[in-house]
C-alpha atoms as a PDB file:
ATOM      1  CA  UNK A   1       0.000   0.000   0.000  1.00  0.00           C
ATOM      2  CA  UNK A   2       1.245   3.463  -0.925  1.00  0.00           C
ATOM      3  CA  UNK A   3       2.227   5.541   2.102  1.00  0.00           C
ATOM      4  CA  UNK A   4       1.112   9.121   2.542  1.00  0.00           C
ATOM      5  CA  UNK A   5       3.335  12.196   2.334  1.00  0.00           C
ATOM      6  CA  UNK A   6       5.237  10.885  -0.663  1.00  0.00           C
ATOM      7  CA  UNK A   7       7.885  13.405  -1.684  1.00  0.00           C
ATOM      8  CA  UNK A   8      11.327  13.659  -3.205  1.00  0.00           C
ATOM      9  CA  UNK A   9      13.723  13.693  -0.273  1.00  0.00           C
ATOM     10  CA  UNK A  10      17.051  15.484  -0.565  1.00  0.00           C
ATOM     11  CA  UNK A  11      18.355  14.356   2.800  1.00  0.00           C
ATOM     12  CA  UNK A  12      17.751  12.075   5.754  1.00  0.00           C
ATOM     13  CA  UNK A  13      18.004  12.834   9.466  1.00  0.00           C
ATOM     14  CA  UNK A  14      19.926  10.224  11.436  1.00  0.00           C
ATOM     15  CA  UNK A  15      18.136   9.916  14.771  1.00  0.00           C
ATOM     16  CA  UNK A  16      20.961   7.820  16.189  1.00  0.00           C
ATOM     17  CA  UNK A  17      21.699   8.424  19.849  1.00  0.00           C
ATOM     18  CA  UNK A  18      19.699  11.666  20.034  1.00  0.00           C
ATOM     19  CA  UNK A  19      17.102   9.674  21.972  1.00  0.00           C
ATOM     20  CA  UNK A  20      19.670   9.663  24.777  1.00  0.00           C
ATOM     21  CA  UNK A  21      20.376  13.427  24.961  1.00  0.00           C
ATOM     22  CA  UNK A  22      22.113  13.374  28.351  1.00  0.00           C
ATOM     23  CA  UNK A  23      24.516  10.597  27.396  1.00  0.00           C
ATOM     24  CA  UNK A  24      25.846  11.795  24.057  1.00  0.00           C
ATOM     25  CA  UNK A  25      29.058  13.354  25.382  1.00  0.00           C
ATOM     26  CA  UNK A  26      29.771  10.198  27.355  1.00  0.00           C
ATOM     27  CA  UNK A  27      29.074   8.045  24.271  1.00  0.00           C
ATOM     28  CA  UNK A  28      31.380  10.233  22.189  1.00  0.00           C
ATOM     29  CA  UNK A  29      34.251   9.672  24.644  1.00  0.00           C
ATOM     30  CA  UNK A  30      33.598   5.913  24.815  1.00  0.00           C
ATOM     31  CA  UNK A  31      33.310   5.436  21.042  1.00  0.00           C
ATOM     32  CA  UNK A  32      36.327   7.640  20.337  1.00  0.00           C
ATOM     33  CA  UNK A  33      38.399   5.635  22.845  1.00  0.00           C
ATOM     34  CA  UNK A  34      37.315   2.464  21.026  1.00  0.00           C
ATOM     35  CA  UNK A  35      37.895   3.875  17.554  1.00  0.00           C
ATOM     36  CA  UNK A  36      41.444   5.130  18.187  1.00  0.00           C
ATOM     37  CA  UNK A  37      42.932   1.731  19.130  1.00  0.00           C
ATOM     38  CA  UNK A  38      40.858   0.074  16.387  1.00  0.00           C
ATOM     39  CA  UNK A  39      42.395   2.321  13.748  1.00  0.00           C
ATOM     40  CA  UNK A  40      45.875   2.155  15.308  1.00  0.00           C
ATOM     41  CA  UNK A  41      45.754  -1.633  15.641  1.00  0.00           C
ATOM     42  CA  UNK A  42      44.743  -2.230  12.037  1.00  0.00           C
ATOM     43  CA  UNK A  43      47.345   0.208  10.723  1.00  0.00           C
ATOM     44  CA  UNK A  44      49.984  -1.473  12.888  1.00  0.00           C
ATOM     45  CA  UNK A  45      49.089  -4.909  11.508  1.00  0.00           C
ATOM     46  CA  UNK A  46      49.313  -3.620   7.931  1.00  0.00           C
ATOM     47  CA  UNK A  47      52.617  -1.871   8.657  1.00  0.00           C
ATOM     48  CA  UNK A  48      54.223  -4.865  10.396  1.00  0.00           C
ATOM     49  CA  UNK A  49      53.225  -7.318   7.665  1.00  0.00           C
ATOM     50  CA  UNK A  50      54.720  -4.910   5.129  1.00  0.00           C
ATOM     51  CA  UNK A  51      58.113  -4.297   6.790  1.00  0.00           C
ATOM     52  CA  UNK A  52      58.821  -7.721   8.344  1.00  0.00           C
ATOM     53  CA  UNK A  53      59.883 -10.323   5.793  1.00  0.00           C
ATOM     54  CA  UNK A  54      58.993 -13.143   8.213  1.00  0.00           C
ATOM     55  CA  UNK A  55      55.342 -12.119   7.858  1.00  0.00           C
ATOM     56  CA  UNK A  56      55.335 -12.333   4.068  1.00  0.00           C
ATOM     57  CA  UNK A  57      53.199 -15.476   4.103  1.00  0.00           C
ATOM     58  CA  UNK A  58      49.640 -16.158   2.865  1.00  0.00           C
ATOM     59  CA  UNK A  59      48.241 -16.168   6.416  1.00  0.00           C
ATOM     60  CA  UNK A  60      49.535 -12.671   7.147  1.00  0.00           C
ATOM     61  CA  UNK A  61      48.670 -11.453   3.658  1.00  0.00           C
ATOM     62  CA  UNK A  62      45.021 -12.299   4.364  1.00  0.00           C
ATOM     63  CA  UNK A  63      45.316 -10.740   7.827  1.00  0.00           C
ATOM     64  CA  UNK A  64      46.675  -7.537   6.305  1.00  0.00           C
ATOM     65  CA  UNK A  65      43.850  -7.561   3.732  1.00  0.00           C
ATOM     66  CA  UNK A  66      41.314  -7.962   6.551  1.00  0.00           C
ATOM     67  CA  UNK A  67      42.884  -5.064   8.483  1.00  0.00           C
ATOM     68  CA  UNK A  68      42.696  -2.834   5.401  1.00  0.00           C
ATOM     69  CA  UNK A  69      39.072  -3.793   4.799  1.00  0.00           C
ATOM     70  CA  UNK A  70      38.156  -3.186   8.442  1.00  0.00           C
ATOM     71  CA  UNK A  71      39.930   0.184   8.403  1.00  0.00           C
ATOM     72  CA  UNK A  72      37.798   1.259   5.437  1.00  0.00           C
ATOM     73  CA  UNK A  73      34.737  -0.264   7.125  1.00  0.00           C
ATOM     74  CA  UNK A  74      35.151   1.780  10.310  1.00  0.00           C
ATOM     75  CA  UNK A  75      35.963   4.946   8.338  1.00  0.00           C
ATOM     76  CA  UNK A  76      32.574   4.565   6.651  1.00  0.00           C
ATOM     77  CA  UNK A  77      30.714   4.767   9.959  1.00  0.00           C
ATOM     78  CA  UNK A  78      32.776   6.210  12.826  1.00  0.00           C
ATOM     79  CA  UNK A  79      33.633   9.796  11.687  1.00  0.00           C
ATOM     80  CA  UNK A  80      30.023  10.656  10.854  1.00  0.00           C
ATOM     81  CA  UNK A  81      28.727   8.941  13.998  1.00  0.00           C
ATOM     82  CA  UNK A  82      31.185  10.792  16.249  1.00  0.00           C
ATOM     83  CA  UNK A  83      30.400  14.126  14.590  1.00  0.00           C
ATOM     84  CA  UNK A  84      26.660  13.584  15.039  1.00  0.00           C
ATOM     85  CA  UNK A  85      27.121  12.931  18.754  1.00  0.00           C
ATOM     86  CA  UNK A  86      28.395  16.516  19.161  1.00  0.00           C
ATOM     87  CA  UNK A  87      26.320  18.256  16.462  1.00  0.00           C
ATOM     88  CA  UNK A  88      22.721  19.402  16.387  1.00  0.00           C
ATOM     89  CA  UNK A  89      22.448  18.869  12.634  1.00  0.00           C
ATOM     90  CA  UNK A  90      22.412  15.119  12.022  1.00  0.00           C
ATOM     91  CA  UNK A  91      21.407  15.279   8.390  1.00  0.00           C
ATOM     92  CA  UNK A  92      22.981  13.265   5.593  1.00  0.00           C
ATOM     93  CA  UNK A  93      22.344  13.882   1.908  1.00  0.00           C
ATOM     94  CA  UNK A  94      20.387  11.428  -0.223  1.00  0.00           C
ATOM     95  CA  UNK A  95      23.511  10.550  -2.233  1.00  0.00           C
ATOM     96  CA  UNK A  96      25.694  10.462   0.871  1.00  0.00           C
ATOM     97  CA  UNK A  97      23.294   8.023   2.518  1.00  0.00           C
ATOM     98  CA  UNK A  98      23.370   5.748  -0.523  1.00  0.00           C
ATOM     99  CA  UNK A  99      27.164   5.805  -0.669  1.00  0.00           C
ATOM    100  CA  UNK A 100      27.521   5.123   3.044  1.00  0.00           C
ATOM    101  CA  UNK A 101      25.127   2.187   2.800  1.00  0.00           C
ATOM    102  CA  UNK A 102      26.851   0.790  -0.286  1.00  0.00           C
ATOM    103  CA  UNK A 103      30.320   0.949   1.273  1.00  0.00           C
ATOM    104  CA  UNK A 104      29.101  -0.414   4.604  1.00  0.00           C
ATOM    105  CA  UNK A 105      27.424  -3.415   2.982  1.00  0.00           C
ATOM    106  CA  UNK A 106      30.276  -3.944   0.512  1.00  0.00           C
ATOM    107  CA  UNK A 107      33.006  -3.810   3.138  1.00  0.00           C
ATOM    108  CA  UNK A 108      30.972  -5.933   5.555  1.00  0.00           C
ATOM    109  CA  UNK A 109      30.586  -8.574   2.859  1.00  0.00           C
ATOM    110  CA  UNK A 110      34.291  -8.307   2.014  1.00  0.00           C
ATOM    111  CA  UNK A 111      35.192  -8.901   5.672  1.00  0.00           C
ATOM    112  CA  UNK A 112      33.079 -12.068   5.718  1.00  0.00           C
ATOM    113  CA  UNK A 113      34.707 -13.285   2.506  1.00  0.00           C
ATOM    114  CA  UNK A 114      38.249 -12.608   3.754  1.00  0.00           C
ATOM    115  CA  UNK A 115      37.534 -14.404   7.029  1.00  0.00           C
ATOM    116  CA  UNK A 116      36.368 -17.339   4.914  1.00  0.00           C
ATOM    117  CA  UNK A 117      39.582 -17.184   2.873  1.00  0.00           C
ATOM    118  CA  UNK A 118      41.607 -17.206   6.092  1.00  0.00           C
ATOM    119  CA  UNK A 119      39.784 -20.373   7.136  1.00  0.00           C
ATOM    120  CA  UNK A 120      40.485 -21.919   3.732  1.00  0.00           C
ATOM    121  CA  UNK A 121      44.152 -20.958   4.085  1.00  0.00           C
ATOM    122  CA  UNK A 122      44.378 -22.716   7.471  1.00  0.00           C
ATOM    123  CA  UNK A 123      42.562 -25.732   6.004  1.00  0.00           C
ATOM    124  CA  UNK A 124      45.166 -26.093   3.246  1.00  0.00           C
ATOM    125  CA  UNK A 125      48.087 -25.506   5.637  1.00  0.00           C
ATOM    126  CA  UNK A 126      46.913 -28.162   8.106  1.00  0.00           C
ATOM    127  CA  UNK A 127      45.210 -30.723   5.853  1.00  0.00           C
ATOM    128  CA  UNK A 128      47.388 -30.465   2.752  1.00  0.00           C
ATOM    129  CA  UNK A 129      50.790 -29.116   3.884  1.00  0.00           C
ATOM    130  CA  UNK A 130      52.803 -30.614   1.021  1.00  0.00           C
ATOM    131  CA  UNK A 131      50.786 -28.884  -1.710  1.00  0.00           C
ATOM    132  CA  UNK A 132      50.175 -25.717   0.331  1.00  0.00           C
ATOM    133  CA  UNK A 133      53.149 -23.716  -1.118  1.00  0.00           C
ATOM    134  CA  UNK A 134      52.051 -24.643  -4.641  1.00  0.00           C
ATOM    135  CA  UNK A 135      48.400 -23.731  -4.092  1.00  0.00           C
ATOM    136  CA  UNK A 136      48.784 -20.561  -2.014  1.00  0.00           C
ATOM    137  CA  UNK A 137      51.122 -18.509  -4.197  1.00  0.00           C
ATOM    138  CA  UNK A 138      51.286 -14.718  -4.016  1.00  0.00           C
ATOM    139  CA  UNK A 139      49.337 -14.425  -7.258  1.00  0.00           C
ATOM    140  CA  UNK A 140      46.616 -16.788  -6.026  1.00  0.00           C
ATOM    141  CA  UNK A 141      46.319 -14.898  -2.717  1.00  0.00           C
ATOM    142  CA  UNK A 142      45.934 -11.626  -4.611  1.00  0.00           C
ATOM    143  CA  UNK A 143      43.255 -13.113  -6.864  1.00  0.00           C
ATOM    144  CA  UNK A 144      41.329 -14.491  -3.884  1.00  0.00           C
ATOM    145  CA  UNK A 145      41.339 -11.135  -2.054  1.00  0.00           C
ATOM    146  CA  UNK A 146      40.315  -9.301  -5.244  1.00  0.00           C
ATOM    147  CA  UNK A 147      37.469 -11.792  -5.662  1.00  0.00           C
ATOM    148  CA  UNK A 148      36.337 -11.110  -2.091  1.00  0.00           C
ATOM    149  CA  UNK A 149      36.105  -7.374  -2.835  1.00  0.00           C
ATOM    150  CA  UNK A 150      34.312  -7.952  -6.142  1.00  0.00           C
ATOM    151  CA  UNK A 151      31.713 -10.309  -4.654  1.00  0.00           C
ATOM    152  CA  UNK A 152      31.169  -8.113  -1.588  1.00  0.00           C
ATOM    153  CA  UNK A 153      30.547  -4.955  -3.601  1.00  0.00           C
ATOM    154  CA  UNK A 154      28.558  -6.724  -6.334  1.00  0.00           C
ATOM    155  CA  UNK A 155      25.985  -7.802  -3.760  1.00  0.00           C
ATOM    156  CA  UNK A 156      26.181  -4.401  -2.056  1.00  0.00           C
ATOM    157  CA  UNK A 157      25.413  -2.487  -5.250  1.00  0.00           C
ATOM    158  CA  UNK A 158      22.390  -4.709  -5.919  1.00  0.00           C
ATOM    159  CA  UNK A 159      21.044  -4.194  -2.395  1.00  0.00           C
ATOM    160  CA  UNK A 160      21.616  -0.428  -2.443  1.00  0.00           C
ATOM    161  CA  UNK A 161      20.044  -0.046  -5.891  1.00  0.00           C
ATOM    162  CA  UNK A 162      17.011  -2.050  -4.763  1.00  0.00           C
ATOM    163  CA  UNK A 163      16.551   0.082  -1.650  1.00  0.00           C
ATOM    164  CA  UNK A 164      16.975   3.430  -3.414  1.00  0.00           C
ATOM    165  CA  UNK A 165      14.784   2.511  -6.375  1.00  0.00           C
ATOM    166  CA  UNK A 166      11.617   4.555  -6.074  1.00  0.00           C
ATOM    167  CA  UNK A 167      10.783   7.376  -3.700  1.00  0.00           C
ATOM    168  CA  UNK A 168      10.828   7.828   0.055  1.00  0.00           C
ATOM    169  CA  UNK A 169       8.107   9.234   2.285  1.00  0.00           C
ATOM    170  CA  UNK A 170       8.179  11.752   5.084  1.00  0.00           C
ATOM    171  CA  UNK A 171       9.153  11.872   7.838  1.00  0.00           C
ATOM    172  CA  UNK A 172      12.748  11.569   6.660  1.00  0.00           C
ATOM    173  CA  UNK A 173      13.933  10.238  10.025  1.00  0.00           C
ATOM    174  CA  UNK A 174      16.252   7.234   9.918  1.00  0.00           C
ATOM    175  CA  UNK A 175      16.137   5.521  13.293  1.00  0.00           C
ATOM    176  CA  UNK A 176      19.798   4.586  13.391  1.00  0.00           C
ATOM    177  CA  UNK A 177      23.248   6.232  13.765  1.00  0.00           C
ATOM    178  CA  UNK A 178      24.072   5.545  10.108  1.00  0.00           C
ATOM    179  CA  UNK A 179      22.222   4.633   6.917  1.00  0.00           C
ATOM    180  CA  UNK A 180      21.438   1.077   7.905  1.00  0.00           C
ATOM    181  CA  UNK A 181      19.580  -0.699   5.122  1.00  0.00           C
ATOM    182  CA  UNK A 182      16.605  -1.824   7.223  1.00  0.00           C
ATOM    183  CA  UNK A 183      16.181   1.616   8.787  1.00  0.00           C
ATOM    184  CA  UNK A 184      16.285   3.369   5.395  1.00  0.00           C
ATOM    185  CA  UNK A 185      14.102   0.908   3.501  1.00  0.00           C
ATOM    186  CA  UNK A 186      11.291   1.518   5.997  1.00  0.00           C
ATOM    187  CA  UNK A 187      11.061   5.057   4.644  1.00  0.00           C
ATOM    188  CA  UNK A 188      10.257   3.687   1.183  1.00  0.00           C
ATOM    189  CA  UNK A 189       6.821   4.687  -0.092  1.00  0.00           C
ATOM    190  CA  UNK A 190       6.081   1.466  -1.946  1.00  0.00           C
ATOM    191  CA  UNK A 191       6.620  -2.201  -1.048  1.00  0.00           C
ATOM    192  CA  UNK A 192       8.862  -1.386   1.894  1.00  0.00           C
ATOM    193  CA  UNK A 193       8.118  -4.730   3.564  1.00  0.00           C
ATOM    194  CA  UNK A 194       9.015  -6.670   0.412  1.00  0.00           C
ATOM    195  CA  UNK A 195      12.224  -4.656  -0.075  1.00  0.00           C
ATOM    196  CA  UNK A 196      13.216  -5.124   3.564  1.00  0.00           C
ATOM    197  CA  UNK A 197      12.624  -8.866   3.362  1.00  0.00           C
ATOM    198  CA  UNK A 198      14.602  -9.147   0.118  1.00  0.00           C
ATOM    199  CA  UNK A 199      17.697  -7.185   1.187  1.00  0.00           C
ATOM    200  CA  UNK A 200      17.709  -8.821   4.624  1.00  0.00           C
ATOM    201  CA  UNK A 201      17.467 -12.265   3.035  1.00  0.00           C
ATOM    202  CA  UNK A 202      20.435 -11.428   0.790  1.00  0.00           C
ATOM    203  CA  UNK A 203      22.547 -10.324   3.768  1.00  0.00           C
ATOM    204  CA  UNK A 204      21.571 -13.307   5.917  1.00  0.00           C
ATOM    205  CA  UNK A 205      22.273 -15.713   3.037  1.00  0.00           C
ATOM    206  CA  UNK A 206      25.755 -14.253   2.560  1.00  0.00           C
ATOM    207  CA  UNK A 207      26.387 -14.238   6.297  1.00  0.00           C
ATOM    208  CA  UNK A 208      25.256 -17.810   6.902  1.00  0.00           C
ATOM    209  CA  UNK A 209      26.843 -19.087   3.684  1.00  0.00           C
ATOM    210  CA  UNK A 210      30.328 -17.838   4.571  1.00  0.00           C
ATOM    211  CA  UNK A 211      29.923 -18.987   8.189  1.00  0.00           C
ATOM    212  CA  UNK A 212      28.955 -22.521   7.125  1.00  0.00           C
ATOM    213  CA  UNK A 213      31.993 -22.700   4.818  1.00  0.00           C
ATOM    214  CA  UNK A 214      34.248 -21.694   7.728  1.00  0.00           C
ATOM    215  CA  UNK A 215      32.627 -24.298   9.992  1.00  0.00           C
ATOM    216  CA  UNK A 216      33.150 -26.936   7.301  1.00  0.00           C
ATOM    217  CA  UNK A 217      36.850 -26.064   6.985  1.00  0.00           C
ATOM    218  CA  UNK A 218      37.284 -26.383  10.749  1.00  0.00           C
ATOM    219  CA  UNK A 219      35.565 -29.761  10.759  1.00  0.00           C
ATOM    220  CA  UNK A 220      38.273 -31.000   8.370  1.00  0.00           C
ATOM    221  CA  UNK A 221      40.998 -29.191  10.345  1.00  0.00           C
ATOM    222  CA  UNK A 222      39.941 -30.750  13.661  1.00  0.00           C
ATOM    223  CA  UNK A 223      39.646 -34.228  12.143  1.00  0.00           C
ATOM    224  CA  UNK A 224      43.162 -33.885  10.700  1.00  0.00           C
ATOM    225  CA  UNK A 225      44.705 -32.466  13.890  1.00  0.00           C
ATOM    226  CA  UNK A 226      43.254 -35.265  16.024  1.00  0.00           C
ATOM    227  CA  UNK A 227      45.201 -37.755  13.894  1.00  0.00           C
ATOM    228  CA  UNK A 228      48.516 -36.089  14.813  1.00  0.00           C
ATOM    229  CA  UNK A 229      50.212 -38.439  17.324  1.00  0.00           C
ATOM    230  CA  UNK A 230      52.153 -35.910  19.406  1.00  0.00           C
ATOM    231  CA  UNK A 231      50.493 -33.471  21.796  1.00  0.00           C
ATOM    232  CA  UNK A 232      52.996 -30.791  20.772  1.00  0.00           C
ATOM    233  CA  UNK A 233      52.007 -31.180  17.119  1.00  0.00           C
ATOM    234  CA  UNK A 234      48.333 -30.867  17.980  1.00  0.00           C
ATOM    235  CA  UNK A 235      48.942 -27.757  20.055  1.00  0.00           C
ATOM    236  CA  UNK A 236      51.005 -26.130  17.288  1.00  0.00           C
ATOM    237  CA  UNK A 237      48.319 -26.847  14.683  1.00  0.00           C
ATOM    238  CA  UNK A 238      45.506 -25.523  16.859  1.00  0.00           C
ATOM    239  CA  UNK A 239      47.492 -22.419  17.878  1.00  0.00           C
ATOM    240  CA  UNK A 240      47.657 -21.222  14.265  1.00  0.00           C
ATOM    241  CA  UNK A 241      43.848 -21.277  14.106  1.00  0.00           C
ATOM    242  CA  UNK A 242      42.949 -19.956  17.571  1.00  0.00           C
ATOM    243  CA  UNK A 243      42.989 -16.229  16.760  1.00  0.00           C
ATOM    244  CA  UNK A 244      41.033 -16.659  13.535  1.00  0.00           C
ATOM    245  CA  UNK A 245      38.393 -18.849  15.166  1.00  0.00           C
ATOM    246  CA  UNK A 246      37.975 -16.372  18.049  1.00  0.00           C
ATOM    247  CA  UNK A 247      37.397 -13.470  15.642  1.00  0.00           C
ATOM    248  CA  UNK A 248      34.977 -15.595  13.585  1.00  0.00           C
ATOM    249  CA  UNK A 249      32.895 -16.331  16.697  1.00  0.00           C
ATOM    250  CA  UNK A 250      32.687 -12.643  17.629  1.00  0.00           C
ATOM    251  CA  UNK A 251      32.104 -11.442  14.061  1.00  0.00           C
ATOM    252  CA  UNK A 252      29.369 -13.867  13.051  1.00  0.00           C
ATOM    253  CA  UNK A 253      27.870 -14.065  16.534  1.00  0.00           C
ATOM    254  CA  UNK A 254      27.290 -10.312  16.827  1.00  0.00           C
ATOM    255  CA  UNK A 255      26.224 -10.083  13.161  1.00  0.00           C
ATOM    256  CA  UNK A 256      23.614 -12.799  13.717  1.00  0.00           C
ATOM    257  CA  UNK A 257      22.146 -10.870  16.630  1.00  0.00           C
ATOM    258  CA  UNK A 258      21.850  -7.764  14.433  1.00  0.00           C
ATOM    259  CA  UNK A 259      20.456  -9.408  11.291  1.00  0.00           C
ATOM    260  CA  UNK A 260      18.473 -12.383  12.611  1.00  0.00           C
ATOM    261  CA  UNK A 261      16.546 -10.427  15.241  1.00  0.00           C
ATOM    262  CA  UNK A 262      12.808 -10.914  14.574  1.00  0.00           C
ATOM    263  CA  UNK A 263      10.923  -7.705  13.848  1.00  0.00           C
ATOM    264  CA  UNK A 264       8.316  -8.511  16.483  1.00  0.00           C
ATOM    265  CA  UNK A 265      10.924  -8.952  19.212  1.00  0.00           C
ATOM    266  CA  UNK A 266      11.286  -5.195  19.691  1.00  0.00           C
ATOM    267  CA  UNK A 267      14.452  -3.643  21.048  1.00  0.00           C
ATOM    268  CA  UNK A 268      16.482  -0.658  19.947  1.00  0.00           C
ATOM    269  CA  UNK A 269      18.196  -1.441  16.624  1.00  0.00           C
ATOM    270  CA  UNK A 270      20.743   1.277  17.375  1.00  0.00           C
ATOM    271  CA  UNK A 271      21.932  -0.431  20.556  1.00  0.00           C
ATOM    272  CA  UNK A 272      21.762  -3.906  19.031  1.00  0.00           C
ATOM    273  CA  UNK A 273      24.109  -2.797  16.206  1.00  0.00           C
ATOM    274  CA  UNK A 274      26.837  -1.557  18.591  1.00  0.00           C
ATOM    275  CA  UNK A 275      28.503  -4.955  19.206  1.00  0.00           C
ATOM    276  CA  UNK A 276      28.704  -5.777  15.487  1.00  0.00           C
ATOM    277  CA  UNK A 277      29.705  -2.355  14.149  1.00  0.00           C
ATOM    278  CA  UNK A 278      31.823  -0.999  17.016  1.00  0.00           C
ATOM    279  CA  UNK A 279      32.954  -3.804  19.338  1.00  0.00           C
ATOM    280  CA  UNK A 280      33.917  -6.413  16.715  1.00  0.00           C
ATOM    281  CA  UNK A 281      36.318  -4.117  14.755  1.00  0.00           C
ATOM    282  CA  UNK A 282      37.837  -3.103  18.098  1.00  0.00           C
ATOM    283  CA  UNK A 283      38.447  -6.701  19.223  1.00  0.00           C
ATOM    284  CA  UNK A 284      39.712  -8.045  15.897  1.00  0.00           C
ATOM    285  CA  UNK A 285      43.176  -6.370  15.767  1.00  0.00           C
ATOM    286  CA  UNK A 286      43.650  -6.969  19.500  1.00  0.00           C
ATOM    287  CA  UNK A 287      43.005 -10.697  19.155  1.00  0.00           C
ATOM    288  CA  UNK A 288      45.153 -11.094  16.045  1.00  0.00           C
ATOM    289  CA  UNK A 289      48.065  -9.163  17.562  1.00  0.00           C
ATOM    290  CA  UNK A 290      48.040 -10.076  21.262  1.00  0.00           C
ATOM    291  CA  UNK A 291      47.488 -13.793  20.637  1.00  0.00           C
ATOM    292  CA  UNK A 292      50.054 -13.971  17.835  1.00  0.00           C
ATOM    293  CA  UNK A 293      53.695 -14.666  18.673  1.00  0.00           C
ATOM    294  CA  UNK A 294      54.996 -13.698  15.201  1.00  0.00           C
ATOM    295  CA  UNK A 295      53.198 -10.364  15.320  1.00  0.00           C
ATOM    296  CA  UNK A 296      54.554  -9.573  18.775  1.00  0.00           C
ATOM    297  CA  UNK A 297      58.085 -10.481  17.681  1.00  0.00           C
ATOM    298  CA  UNK A 298      57.769  -8.228  14.633  1.00  0.00           C
ATOM    299  CA  UNK A 299      56.595  -5.391  16.877  1.00  0.00           C
ATOM    300  CA  UNK A 300      59.607  -5.879  19.187  1.00  0.00           C
ATOM    301  CA  UNK A 301      61.952  -5.777  16.179  1.00  0.00           C
ATOM    302  CA  UNK A 302      60.467  -2.488  15.015  1.00  0.00           C
ATOM    303  CA  UNK A 303      60.781  -1.016  18.513  1.00  0.00           C
ATOM    304  CA  UNK A 304      64.378  -2.225  18.690  1.00  0.00           C
ATOM    305  CA  UNK A 305      65.249  -0.607  15.367  1.00  0.00           C
ATOM    306  CA  UNK A 306      63.591   2.648  16.464  1.00  0.00           C
ATOM    307  CA  UNK A 307      65.523   2.580  19.741  1.00  0.00           C
ATOM    308  CA  UNK A 308      68.830   1.977  17.949  1.00  0.00           C
ATOM    309  CA  UNK A 309      68.077   4.761  15.483  1.00  0.00           C
ATOM    310  CA  UNK A 310      67.343   7.217  18.295  1.00  0.00           C
ATOM    311  CA  UNK A 311      70.477   6.184  20.199  1.00  0.00           C
ATOM    312  CA  UNK A 312      72.638   6.658  17.085  1.00  0.00           C
ATOM    313  CA  UNK A 313      70.986  10.000  16.443  1.00  0.00           C
ATOM    314  CA  UNK A 314      71.726  11.185  19.983  1.00  0.00           C
ATOM    315  CA  UNK A 315      75.343  10.008  19.726  1.00  0.00           C
ATOM    316  CA  UNK A 316      75.829  11.766  16.395  1.00  0.00           C
ATOM    317  CA  UNK A 317      74.437  15.007  17.846  1.00  0.00           C
ATOM    318  CA  UNK A 318      76.809  14.827  20.820  1.00  0.00           C
ATOM    319  CA  UNK A 319      79.766  14.238  18.509  1.00  0.00           C
END
């Protein structure tokens, strides 16, 4: 049924956290303190994998690709969200909303695909170690990451085009802190329920599809590791997968809460999205760096080189 007040909208108003007027300054401080280490951690991972030759392996190539994707992902949401927490004008242009949605969906899909590729990489390393160097070449890794970006944004463009096809009705209030697809599609004047069901089904299918592939790879990994006779060998094999599996649990667990929540269950979509959009990107670089011996060793090497450089610089100045 056609909604009333159909008009051509030039902008949307992001309601976001304005429903909590007395807590916005506090939320700004909290989210900024989460965003800073998120950005720093991902940049550090990319930098370390670039400068340390010991990290020039497929596993760390995929990790670096994930860090780059997550950096772009957070840049799509965080700056605008933080600015809106301090500003009275929370408007976003029609085109800006479409672009934000497209990049958010595309980068979210890319993250899921890269996490799947990381699981596939561990599967080959553990279950087929002899052929692993032949299968996971630098060219193949590059092609796989490029494919992840292409698939992620192909689906994203379709979803965004479907949502923004047609007109939107007043009021132009989007009940979220960014242009979330379900919040925006509800402003559609025609067939909003059908559009919402379609785009949600596409996201859930991609989410569950990649998750099931990861689970399948770990079924093969566990079955192979259990056949290793020595306890040390089992521990070494599992240790290479621990960080990835932890991030997968957080990523897909929080995403499932956000996307599989029944409409009739109620709840604030803004608050429900916080774990998936804010907490998961914050935890990911911490888990991959703090639980990774190679990454910590690379960080110590960089600090050692910096310390030696400063010492030599001080000595040269004294001389």
